[in-house]
Amino acid sequence: TWMQVLVCRTLLGLCLGAVPATAMAYVADAVPGHKMSSAMGLYVAG
């Protein structure tokens, strides 16, 4: 049913919400400052 599709897609979004800020924080800690722009650009390219 359409409602089942929407429920699954909502739960998918709840899971993915943990990723963007976590990914950016990971990059900020793991990559030197002078490589930050290129690293963030590569993430956005992904």
All heavy atoms as atom14 arrays in JSON, in Angstrom:
{
  "sequence": "TWMQVLVCRTLLGLCLGAVPATAMAYVADAVPGHKMSSAMGLYVAG",
  "atom14_mask": [
    [1, 1, 1, 1, 1, 1, 1, 0, 0, 0, 0, 0, 0, 0],
    [1, 1, 1, 1, 1, 1, 1, 1, 1, 1, 1, 1, 1, 1],
    [1, 1, 1, 1, 1, 1, 1, 1, 0, 0, 0, 0, 0, 0],
    [1, 1, 1, 1, 1, 1, 1, 1, 1, 0, 0, 0, 0, 0],
    [1, 1, 1, 1, 1, 1, 1, 0, 0, 0, 0, 0, 0, 0],
    [1, 1, 1, 1, 1, 1, 1, 1, 0, 0, 0, 0, 0, 0],
    [1, 1, 1, 1, 1, 1, 1, 0, 0, 0, 0, 0, 0, 0],
    [1, 1, 1, 1, 1, 1, 0, 0, 0, 0, 0, 0, 0, 0],
    [1, 1, 1, 1, 1, 1, 1, 1, 1, 1, 1, 0, 0, 0],
    [1, 1, 1, 1, 1, 1, 1, 0, 0, 0, 0, 0, 0, 0],
    [1, 1, 1, 1, 1, 1, 1, 1, 0, 0, 0, 0, 0, 0],
    [1, 1, 1, 1, 1, 1, 1, 1, 0, 0, 0, 0, 0, 0],
    [1, 1, 1, 1, 0, 0, 0, 0, 0, 0, 0, 0, 0, 0],
    [1, 1, 1, 1, 1, 1, 1, 1, 0, 0, 0, 0, 0, 0],
    [1, 1, 1, 1, 1, 1, 0, 0, 0, 0, 0, 0, 0, 0],
    [1, 1, 1, 1, 1, 1, 1, 1, 0, 0, 0, 0, 0, 0],
    [1, 1, 1, 1, 0, 0, 0, 0, 0, 0, 0, 0, 0, 0],
    [1, 1, 1, 1, 1, 0, 0, 0, 0, 0, 0, 0, 0, 0],
    [1, 1, 1, 1, 1, 1, 1, 0, 0, 0, 0, 0, 0, 0],
    [1, 1, 1, 1, 1, 1, 1, 0, 0, 0, 0, 0, 0, 0],
    [1, 1, 1, 1, 1, 0, 0, 0, 0, 0, 0, 0, 0, 0],
    [1, 1, 1, 1, 1, 1, 1, 0, 0, 0, 0, 0, 0, 0],
    [1, 1, 1, 1, 1, 0, 0, 0, 0, 0, 0, 0, 0, 0],
    [1, 1, 1, 1, 1, 1, 1, 1, 0, 0, 0, 0, 0, 0],
    [1, 1, 1, 1, 1, 0, 0, 0, 0, 0, 0, 0, 0, 0],
    [1, 1, 1, 1, 1, 1, 1, 1, 1, 1, 1, 1, 0, 0],
    [1, 1, 1, 1, 1, 1, 1, 0, 0, 0, 0, 0, 0, 0],
    [1, 1, 1, 1, 1, 0, 0, 0, 0, 0, 0, 0, 0, 0],
    [1, 1, 1, 1, 1, 1, 1, 1, 0, 0, 0, 0, 0, 0],
    [1, 1, 1, 1, 1, 0, 0, 0, 0, 0, 0, 0, 0, 0],
    [1, 1, 1, 1, 1, 1, 1, 0, 0, 0, 0, 0, 0, 0],
    [1, 1, 1, 1, 1, 1, 1, 0, 0, 0, 0, 0, 0, 0],
    [1, 1, 1, 1, 0, 0, 0, 0, 0, 0, 0, 0, 0, 0],
    [1, 1, 1, 1, 1, 1, 1, 1, 1, 1, 0, 0, 0, 0],
    [1, 1, 1, 1, 1, 1, 1, 1, 1, 0, 0, 0, 0, 0],
    [1, 1, 1, 1, 1, 1, 1, 1, 0, 0, 0, 0, 0, 0],
    [1, 1, 1, 1, 1, 1, 0, 0, 0, 0, 0, 0, 0, 0],
    [1, 1, 1, 1, 1, 1, 0, 0, 0, 0, 0, 0, 0, 0],
    [1, 1, 1, 1, 1, 0, 0, 0, 0, 0, 0, 0, 0, 0],
    [1, 1, 1, 1, 1, 1, 1, 1, 0, 0, 0, 0, 0, 0],
    [1, 1, 1, 1, 0, 0, 0, 0, 0, 0, 0, 0, 0, 0],
    [1, 1, 1, 1, 1, 1, 1, 1, 0, 0, 0, 0, 0, 0],
    [1, 1, 1, 1, 1, 1, 1, 1, 1, 1, 1, 1, 0, 0],
    [1, 1, 1, 1, 1, 1, 1, 0, 0, 0, 0, 0, 0, 0],
    [1, 1, 1, 1, 1, 0, 0, 0, 0, 0, 0, 0, 0, 0],
    [1, 1, 1, 1, 0, 0, 0, 0, 0, 0, 0, 0, 0, 0]
  ],
  "atom14_positions": [
    [[0.84, -1.2, 0.0], [0.0, 0.0, 0.0], [0.87, 1.24, 0.0], [2.07, 1.19, 0.36], [-0.94, 0.03, 1.23], [-0.13, 0.2, 2.42], [-1.74, -1.27, 1.33], [0.0, 0.0, 0.0], [0.0, 0.0, 0.0], [0.0, 0.0, 0.0], [0.0, 0.0, 0.0], [0.0, 0.0, 0.0], [0.0, 0.0, 0.0], [0.0, 0.0, 0.0]],
    [[0.26, 2.36, -0.37], [0.99, 3.62, -0.38], [1.43, 4.02, 1.03], [2.53, 4.53, 1.22], [0.12, 4.71, -1.0], [0.75, 6.07, -1.06], [0.28, 7.23, -0.55], [1.99, 6.41, -1.73], [1.14, 8.27, -0.83], [2.19, 7.79, -1.56], [2.93, 5.66, -2.45], [3.29, 8.45, -2.06], [4.05, 6.32, -2.95], [4.22, 7.69, -2.76]],
    [[0.61, 3.76, 2.03], [0.96, 4.09, 3.4], [2.19, 3.29, 3.86], [3.06, 3.82, 4.56], [-0.22, 3.81, 4.34], [0.04, 4.22, 5.79], [0.48, 5.98, 5.95], [-1.06, 6.76, 5.39], [0.0, 0.0, 0.0], [0.0, 0.0, 0.0], [0.0, 0.0, 0.0], [0.0, 0.0, 0.0], [0.0, 0.0, 0.0], [0.0, 0.0, 0.0]],
    [[2.27, 2.03, 3.46], [3.44, 1.23, 3.82], [4.72, 1.79, 3.18], [5.78, 1.82, 3.81], [3.23, -0.22, 3.39], [2.18, -0.96, 4.2], [1.91, -2.36, 3.65], [2.43, -2.76, 2.61], [1.05, -3.1, 4.34], [0.0, 0.0, 0.0], [0.0, 0.0, 0.0], [0.0, 0.0, 0.0], [0.0, 0.0, 0.0], [0.0, 0.0, 0.0]],
    [[4.59, 2.24, 1.93], [5.74, 2.86, 1.27], [6.2, 4.09, 2.05], [7.4, 4.27, 2.31], [5.38, 3.26, -0.18], [6.52, 4.08, -0.81], [5.1, 2.03, -1.03], [0.0, 0.0, 0.0], [0.0, 0.0, 0.0], [0.0, 0.0, 0.0], [0.0, 0.0, 0.0], [0.0, 0.0, 0.0], [0.0, 0.0, 0.0], [0.0, 0.0, 0.0]],
    [[5.25, 4.93, 2.45], [5.6, 6.16, 3.16], [6.23, 5.87, 4.52], [7.16, 6.57, 4.94], [4.36, 7.03, 3.32], [3.75, 7.58, 2.03], [2.56, 8.49, 2.34], [4.79, 8.34, 1.2], [0.0, 0.0, 0.0], [0.0, 0.0, 0.0], [0.0, 0.0, 0.0], [0.0, 0.0, 0.0], [0.0, 0.0, 0.0], [0.0, 0.0, 0.0]],
    [[5.72, 4.87, 5.23], [6.29, 4.51, 6.53], [7.74, 4.06, 6.37], [8.64, 4.5, 7.11], [5.45, 3.42, 7.21], [6.19, 2.86, 8.44], [4.1, 3.97, 7.65], [0.0, 0.0, 0.0], [0.0, 0.0, 0.0], [0.0, 0.0, 0.0], [0.0, 0.0, 0.0], [0.0, 0.0, 0.0], [0.0, 0.0, 0.0], [0.0, 0.0, 0.0]],
    [[8.0, 3.2, 5.4], [9.36, 2.71, 5.17], [10.29, 3.84, 4.75], [11.45, 3.91, 5.2], [9.36, 1.61, 4.11], [8.57, 0.07, 4.63], [0.0, 0.0, 0.0], [0.0, 0.0, 0.0], [0.0, 0.0, 0.0], [0.0, 0.0, 0.0], [0.0, 0.0, 0.0], [0.0, 0.0, 0.0], [0.0, 0.0, 0.0], [0.0, 0.0, 0.0]],
    [[9.8, 4.72, 3.89], [10.64, 5.85, 3.45], [10.91, 6.82, 4.59], [11.99, 7.42, 4.67], [9.95, 6.56, 2.28], [9.88, 5.75, 1.0], [11.25, 5.52, 0.41], [11.92, 6.77, 0.1], [13.16, 6.87, -0.34], [13.88, 5.78, -0.52], [13.7, 8.04, -0.6], [0.0, 0.0, 0.0], [0.0, 0.0, 0.0], [0.0, 0.0, 0.0]],
    [[9.95, 6.98, 5.51], [10.17, 7.85, 6.67], [11.23, 7.25, 7.59], [12.13, 7.96, 8.07], [8.85, 8.04, 7.44], [7.88, 8.63, 6.58], [9.07, 8.95, 8.65], [0.0, 0.0, 0.0], [0.0, 0.0, 0.0], [0.0, 0.0, 0.0], [0.0, 0.0, 0.0], [0.0, 0.0, 0.0], [0.0, 0.0, 0.0], [0.0, 0.0, 0.0]],
    [[11.15, 5.95, 7.84], [12.15, 5.29, 8.67], [13.53, 5.34, 8.02], [14.55, 5.48, 8.7], [11.72, 3.84, 8.93], [10.47, 3.67, 9.8], [10.05, 2.2, 9.84], [10.71, 4.2, 11.21], [0.0, 0.0, 0.0], [0.0, 0.0, 0.0], [0.0, 0.0, 0.0], [0.0, 0.0, 0.0], [0.0, 0.0, 0.0], [0.0, 0.0, 0.0]],
    [[13.57, 5.22, 6.7], [14.83, 5.36, 5.98], [15.44, 6.74, 6.22], [16.64, 6.87, 6.49], [14.6, 5.13, 4.48], [15.78, 5.31, 3.52], [15.66, 4.33, 2.36], [15.84, 6.74, 2.97], [0.0, 0.0, 0.0], [0.0, 0.0, 0.0], [0.0, 0.0, 0.0], [0.0, 0.0, 0.0], [0.0, 0.0, 0.0], [0.0, 0.0, 0.0]],
    [[14.6, 7.78, 6.16], [15.09, 9.14, 6.41], [15.6, 9.32, 7.83], [16.61, 10.0, 8.05], [0.0, 0.0, 0.0], [0.0, 0.0, 0.0], [0.0, 0.0, 0.0], [0.0, 0.0, 0.0], [0.0, 0.0, 0.0], [0.0, 0.0, 0.0], [0.0, 0.0, 0.0], [0.0, 0.0, 0.0], [0.0, 0.0, 0.0], [0.0, 0.0, 0.0]],
    [[14.92, 8.72, 8.81], [15.36, 8.81, 10.2], [16.75, 8.2, 10.37], [17.6, 8.73, 11.1], [14.37, 8.1, 11.12], [13.02, 8.8, 11.34], [12.09, 7.9, 12.14], [13.23, 10.13, 12.06], [0.0, 0.0, 0.0], [0.0, 0.0, 0.0], [0.0, 0.0, 0.0], [0.0, 0.0, 0.0], [0.0, 0.0, 0.0], [0.0, 0.0, 0.0]],
    [[17.0, 7.09, 9.68], [18.33, 6.47, 9.75], [19.39, 7.35, 9.1], [20.46, 7.59, 9.67], [18.31, 5.11, 9.08], [17.31, 3.87, 9.92], [0.0, 0.0, 0.0], [0.0, 0.0, 0.0], [0.0, 0.0, 0.0], [0.0, 0.0, 0.0], [0.0, 0.0, 0.0], [0.0, 0.0, 0.0], [0.0, 0.0, 0.0], [0.0, 0.0, 0.0]],
    [[19.08, 7.85, 7.91], [20.07, 8.65, 7.18], [20.37, 9.98, 7.86], [21.41, 10.6, 7.61], [19.59, 8.9, 5.75], [19.55, 7.68, 4.83], [19.05, 8.08, 3.44], [20.92, 7.01, 4.72], [0.0, 0.0, 0.0], [0.0, 0.0, 0.0], [0.0, 0.0, 0.0], [0.0, 0.0, 0.0], [0.0, 0.0, 0.0], [0.0, 0.0, 0.0]],
    [[19.46, 10.44, 8.73], [19.69, 11.71, 9.42], [20.93, 11.71, 10.29], [21.49, 12.77, 10.59], [0.0, 0.0, 0.0], [0.0, 0.0, 0.0], [0.0, 0.0, 0.0], [0.0, 0.0, 0.0], [0.0, 0.0, 0.0], [0.0, 0.0, 0.0], [0.0, 0.0, 0.0], [0.0, 0.0, 0.0], [0.0, 0.0, 0.0], [0.0, 0.0, 0.0]],
    [[21.38, 10.52, 10.7], [22.58, 10.44, 11.54], [23.86, 10.58, 10.72], [24.94, 10.7, 11.3], [22.6, 9.11, 12.29], [0.0, 0.0, 0.0], [0.0, 0.0, 0.0], [0.0, 0.0, 0.0], [0.0, 0.0, 0.0], [0.0, 0.0, 0.0], [0.0, 0.0, 0.0], [0.0, 0.0, 0.0], [0.0, 0.0, 0.0], [0.0, 0.0, 0.0]],
    [[23.75, 10.57, 9.38], [24.95, 10.49, 8.56], [25.58, 11.85, 8.21], [26.78, 12.03, 8.41], [24.67, 9.69, 7.27], [25.92, 9.65, 6.37], [24.23, 8.28, 7.61], [0.0, 0.0, 0.0], [0.0, 0.0, 0.0], [0.0, 0.0, 0.0], [0.0, 0.0, 0.0], [0.0, 0.0, 0.0], [0.0, 0.0, 0.0], [0.0, 0.0, 0.0]],
    [[24.82, 12.86, 7.67], [25.5, 14.06, 7.16], [26.35, 14.79, 8.19], [27.53, 15.08, 7.95], [24.33, 14.93, 6.68], [23.24, 13.97, 6.37], [23.38, 12.88, 7.38], [0.0, 0.0, 0.0], [0.0, 0.0, 0.0], [0.0, 0.0, 0.0], [0.0, 0.0, 0.0], [0.0, 0.0, 0.0], [0.0, 0.0, 0.0], [0.0, 0.0, 0.0]],
    [[25.76, 15.13, 9.36], [26.53, 15.85, 10.38], [27.68, 14.99, 10.9], [28.77, 15.49, 11.19], [25.61, 16.27, 11.52], [0.0, 0.0, 0.0], [0.0, 0.0, 0.0], [0.0, 0.0, 0.0], [0.0, 0.0, 0.0], [0.0, 0.0, 0.0], [0.0, 0.0, 0.0], [0.0, 0.0, 0.0], [0.0, 0.0, 0.0], [0.0, 0.0, 0.0]],
    [[27.44, 13.68, 11.04], [28.48, 12.77, 11.5], [29.63, 12.73, 10.5], [30.81, 12.76, 10.89], [27.91, 11.35, 11.68], [26.8, 11.4, 12.57], [28.96, 10.41, 12.25], [0.0, 0.0, 0.0], [0.0, 0.0, 0.0], [0.0, 0.0, 0.0], [0.0, 0.0, 0.0], [0.0, 0.0, 0.0], [0.0, 0.0, 0.0], [0.0, 0.0, 0.0]],
    [[29.29, 12.66, 9.22], [30.33, 12.62, 8.18], [31.16, 13.9, 8.19], [32.39, 13.85, 8.11], [29.69, 12.41, 6.81], [0.0, 0.0, 0.0], [0.0, 0.0, 0.0], [0.0, 0.0, 0.0], [0.0, 0.0, 0.0], [0.0, 0.0, 0.0], [0.0, 0.0, 0.0], [0.0, 0.0, 0.0], [0.0, 0.0, 0.0], [0.0, 0.0, 0.0]],
    [[30.49, 15.05, 8.3], [31.22, 16.32, 8.3], [32.11, 16.45, 9.53], [33.24, 16.95, 9.46], [30.23, 17.48, 8.22], [29.54, 17.61, 6.87], [28.44, 19.04, 6.76], [27.89, 18.89, 5.06], [0.0, 0.0, 0.0], [0.0, 0.0, 0.0], [0.0, 0.0, 0.0], [0.0, 0.0, 0.0], [0.0, 0.0, 0.0], [0.0, 0.0, 0.0]],
    [[31.6, 15.99, 10.69], [32.41, 16.04, 11.91], [33.6, 15.09, 11.8], [34.71, 15.41, 12.26], [31.54, 15.67, 13.12], [0.0, 0.0, 0.0], [0.0, 0.0, 0.0], [0.0, 0.0, 0.0], [0.0, 0.0, 0.0], [0.0, 0.0, 0.0], [0.0, 0.0, 0.0], [0.0, 0.0, 0.0], [0.0, 0.0, 0.0], [0.0, 0.0, 0.0]],
    [[33.39, 13.93, 11.2], [34.49, 12.97, 11.01], [35.58, 13.6, 10.15], [36.77, 13.52, 10.47], [33.96, 11.7, 10.37], [34.99, 10.59, 10.25], [35.01, 9.53, 11.15], [35.94, 10.6, 9.23], [35.95, 8.51, 11.05], [36.89, 9.6, 9.12], [36.89, 8.56, 10.03], [37.84, 7.57, 9.93], [0.0, 0.0, 0.0], [0.0, 0.0, 0.0]],
    [[35.17, 14.21, 9.03], [36.15, 14.85, 8.14], [36.89, 15.96, 8.85], [38.12, 16.1, 8.72], [35.44, 15.39, 6.88], [36.38, 16.26, 6.05], [34.91, 14.24, 6.03], [0.0, 0.0, 0.0], [0.0, 0.0, 0.0], [0.0, 0.0, 0.0], [0.0, 0.0, 0.0], [0.0, 0.0, 0.0], [0.0, 0.0, 0.0], [0.0, 0.0, 0.0]],
    [[36.16, 16.77, 9.65], [36.78, 17.89, 10.35], [37.87, 17.42, 11.32], [38.88, 18.09, 11.51], [35.72, 18.68, 11.11], [0.0, 0.0, 0.0], [0.0, 0.0, 0.0], [0.0, 0.0, 0.0], [0.0, 0.0, 0.0], [0.0, 0.0, 0.0], [0.0, 0.0, 0.0], [0.0, 0.0, 0.0], [0.0, 0.0, 0.0], [0.0, 0.0, 0.0]],
    [[37.67, 16.25, 11.93], [38.65, 15.73, 12.88], [39.76, 14.94, 12.2], [40.89, 14.9, 12.7], [37.96, 14.81, 13.9], [37.15, 15.59, 14.93], [37.32, 16.82, 15.0], [36.31, 14.97, 15.62], [0.0, 0.0, 0.0], [0.0, 0.0, 0.0], [0.0, 0.0, 0.0], [0.0, 0.0, 0.0], [0.0, 0.0, 0.0], [0.0, 0.0, 0.0]],
    [[39.47, 14.31, 11.09], [40.43, 13.39, 10.48], [41.33, 14.03, 9.43], [42.41, 13.52, 9.16], [39.68, 12.21, 9.86], [0.0, 0.0, 0.0], [0.0, 0.0, 0.0], [0.0, 0.0, 0.0], [0.0, 0.0, 0.0], [0.0, 0.0, 0.0], [0.0, 0.0, 0.0], [0.0, 0.0, 0.0], [0.0, 0.0, 0.0], [0.0, 0.0, 0.0]],
    [[40.87, 15.14, 8.83], [41.61, 15.74, 7.7], [42.22, 17.07, 8.14], [41.55, 17.87, 8.79], [40.65, 15.95, 6.5], [41.37, 16.63, 5.36], [40.08, 14.61, 6.06], [0.0, 0.0, 0.0], [0.0, 0.0, 0.0], [0.0, 0.0, 0.0], [0.0, 0.0, 0.0], [0.0, 0.0, 0.0], [0.0, 0.0, 0.0], [0.0, 0.0, 0.0]],
    [[43.48, 17.32, 7.8], [44.1, 18.61, 8.14], [43.34, 19.79, 7.54], [42.68, 19.65, 6.5], [45.51, 18.49, 7.52], [45.75, 17.03, 7.37], [44.41, 16.41, 7.12], [0.0, 0.0, 0.0], [0.0, 0.0, 0.0], [0.0, 0.0, 0.0], [0.0, 0.0, 0.0], [0.0, 0.0, 0.0], [0.0, 0.0, 0.0], [0.0, 0.0, 0.0]],
    [[43.46, 20.93, 8.19], [42.7, 22.11, 7.77], [42.93, 22.51, 6.34], [41.98, 22.92, 5.64], [0.0, 0.0, 0.0], [0.0, 0.0, 0.0], [0.0, 0.0, 0.0], [0.0, 0.0, 0.0], [0.0, 0.0, 0.0], [0.0, 0.0, 0.0], [0.0, 0.0, 0.0], [0.0, 0.0, 0.0], [0.0, 0.0, 0.0], [0.0, 0.0, 0.0]],
    [[44.16, 22.4, 5.84], [44.45, 22.85, 4.48], [43.84, 21.93, 3.43], [43.79, 22.28, 2.25], [45.95, 22.98, 4.27], [46.7, 21.67, 4.29], [47.03, 21.02, 5.47], [47.17, 20.89, 3.29], [47.67, 19.9, 5.19], [47.78, 19.79, 3.88], [0.0, 0.0, 0.0], [0.0, 0.0, 0.0], [0.0, 0.0, 0.0], [0.0, 0.0, 0.0]],
    [[43.4, 20.73, 3.84], [42.75, 19.81, 2.92], [41.24, 19.73, 3.13], [40.55, 18.92, 2.5], [43.36, 18.4, 3.05], [44.79, 18.3, 2.54], [45.27, 16.87, 2.61], [46.65, 16.72, 1.99], [46.63, 16.94, 0.53], [0.0, 0.0, 0.0], [0.0, 0.0, 0.0], [0.0, 0.0, 0.0], [0.0, 0.0, 0.0], [0.0, 0.0, 0.0]],
    [[40.71, 20.59, 4.02], [39.31, 20.51, 4.39], [38.38, 20.78, 3.2], [37.41, 20.06, 2.98], [39.0, 21.5, 5.52], [37.6, 21.4, 6.08], [37.37, 19.88, 7.01], [38.47, 20.2, 8.38], [0.0, 0.0, 0.0], [0.0, 0.0, 0.0], [0.0, 0.0, 0.0], [0.0, 0.0, 0.0], [0.0, 0.0, 0.0], [0.0, 0.0, 0.0]],
    [[38.67, 21.83, 2.43], [37.79, 22.2, 1.33], [37.72, 21.09, 0.28], [36.64, 20.74, -0.21], [38.26, 23.5, 0.68], [38.12, 24.59, 1.57], [0.0, 0.0, 0.0], [0.0, 0.0, 0.0], [0.0, 0.0, 0.0], [0.0, 0.0, 0.0], [0.0, 0.0, 0.0], [0.0, 0.0, 0.0], [0.0, 0.0, 0.0], [0.0, 0.0, 0.0]],
    [[38.87, 20.51, -0.05], [38.87, 19.45, -1.06], [38.18, 18.2, -0.53], [37.47, 17.51, -1.27], [40.3, 19.13, -1.49], [41.08, 18.69, -0.39], [0.0, 0.0, 0.0], [0.0, 0.0, 0.0], [0.0, 0.0, 0.0], [0.0, 0.0, 0.0], [0.0, 0.0, 0.0], [0.0, 0.0, 0.0], [0.0, 0.0, 0.0], [0.0, 0.0, 0.0]],
    [[38.38, 17.89, 0.76], [37.73, 16.72, 1.34], [36.21, 16.89, 1.37], [35.46, 15.96, 1.06], [38.26, 16.46, 2.75], [0.0, 0.0, 0.0], [0.0, 0.0, 0.0], [0.0, 0.0, 0.0], [0.0, 0.0, 0.0], [0.0, 0.0, 0.0], [0.0, 0.0, 0.0], [0.0, 0.0, 0.0], [0.0, 0.0, 0.0], [0.0, 0.0, 0.0]],
    [[35.75, 18.09, 1.76], [34.31, 18.33, 1.8], [33.73, 18.34, 0.39], [32.63, 17.84, 0.15], [34.02, 19.67, 2.49], [32.6, 19.81, 2.99], [32.17, 18.57, 4.25], [33.14, 19.17, 5.63], [0.0, 0.0, 0.0], [0.0, 0.0, 0.0], [0.0, 0.0, 0.0], [0.0, 0.0, 0.0], [0.0, 0.0, 0.0], [0.0, 0.0, 0.0]],
    [[34.49, 18.89, -0.55], [34.04, 18.87, -1.94], [33.91, 17.46, -2.47], [32.99, 17.14, -3.23], [0.0, 0.0, 0.0], [0.0, 0.0, 0.0], [0.0, 0.0, 0.0], [0.0, 0.0, 0.0], [0.0, 0.0, 0.0], [0.0, 0.0, 0.0], [0.0, 0.0, 0.0], [0.0, 0.0, 0.0], [0.0, 0.0, 0.0], [0.0, 0.0, 0.0]],
    [[34.83, 16.56, -2.05], [34.76, 15.17, -2.5], [33.55, 14.47, -1.9], [32.89, 13.66, -2.56], [36.04, 14.44, -2.12], [36.3, 13.09, -2.81], [36.38, 13.27, -4.32], [37.6, 12.47, -2.3], [0.0, 0.0, 0.0], [0.0, 0.0, 0.0], [0.0, 0.0, 0.0], [0.0, 0.0, 0.0], [0.0, 0.0, 0.0], [0.0, 0.0, 0.0]],
    [[33.23, 14.79, -0.65], [32.03, 14.21, -0.03], [30.78, 14.66, -0.78], [29.9, 13.85, -1.09], [31.95, 14.64, 1.44], [30.62, 14.33, 2.09], [30.27, 13.02, 2.41], [29.72, 15.34, 2.37], [29.05, 12.73, 3.0], [28.49, 15.06, 2.95], [28.16, 13.75, 3.27], [26.95, 13.48, 3.85], [0.0, 0.0, 0.0], [0.0, 0.0, 0.0]],
    [[30.7, 15.96, -1.09], [29.55, 16.47, -1.84], [29.51, 15.86, -3.24], [28.43, 15.56, -3.78], [29.58, 18.01, -1.9], [28.45, 18.55, -2.78], [29.45, 18.61, -0.5], [0.0, 0.0, 0.0], [0.0, 0.0, 0.0], [0.0, 0.0, 0.0], [0.0, 0.0, 0.0], [0.0, 0.0, 0.0], [0.0, 0.0, 0.0], [0.0, 0.0, 0.0]],
    [[30.69, 15.64, -3.85], [30.73, 14.98, -5.15], [30.17, 13.56, -5.05], [29.47, 13.09, -5.96], [32.17, 14.93, -5.68], [0.0, 0.0, 0.0], [0.0, 0.0, 0.0], [0.0, 0.0, 0.0], [0.0, 0.0, 0.0], [0.0, 0.0, 0.0], [0.0, 0.0, 0.0], [0.0, 0.0, 0.0], [0.0, 0.0, 0.0], [0.0, 0.0, 0.0]],
    [[30.44, 12.88, -3.93], [29.86, 11.56, -3.72], [28.35, 11.61, -3.63], [27.65, 10.74, -4.17], [0.0, 0.0, 0.0], [0.0, 0.0, 0.0], [0.0, 0.0, 0.0], [0.0, 0.0, 0.0], [0.0, 0.0, 0.0], [0.0, 0.0, 0.0], [0.0, 0.0, 0.0], [0.0, 0.0, 0.0], [0.0, 0.0, 0.0], [0.0, 0.0, 0.0]]
  ]
}
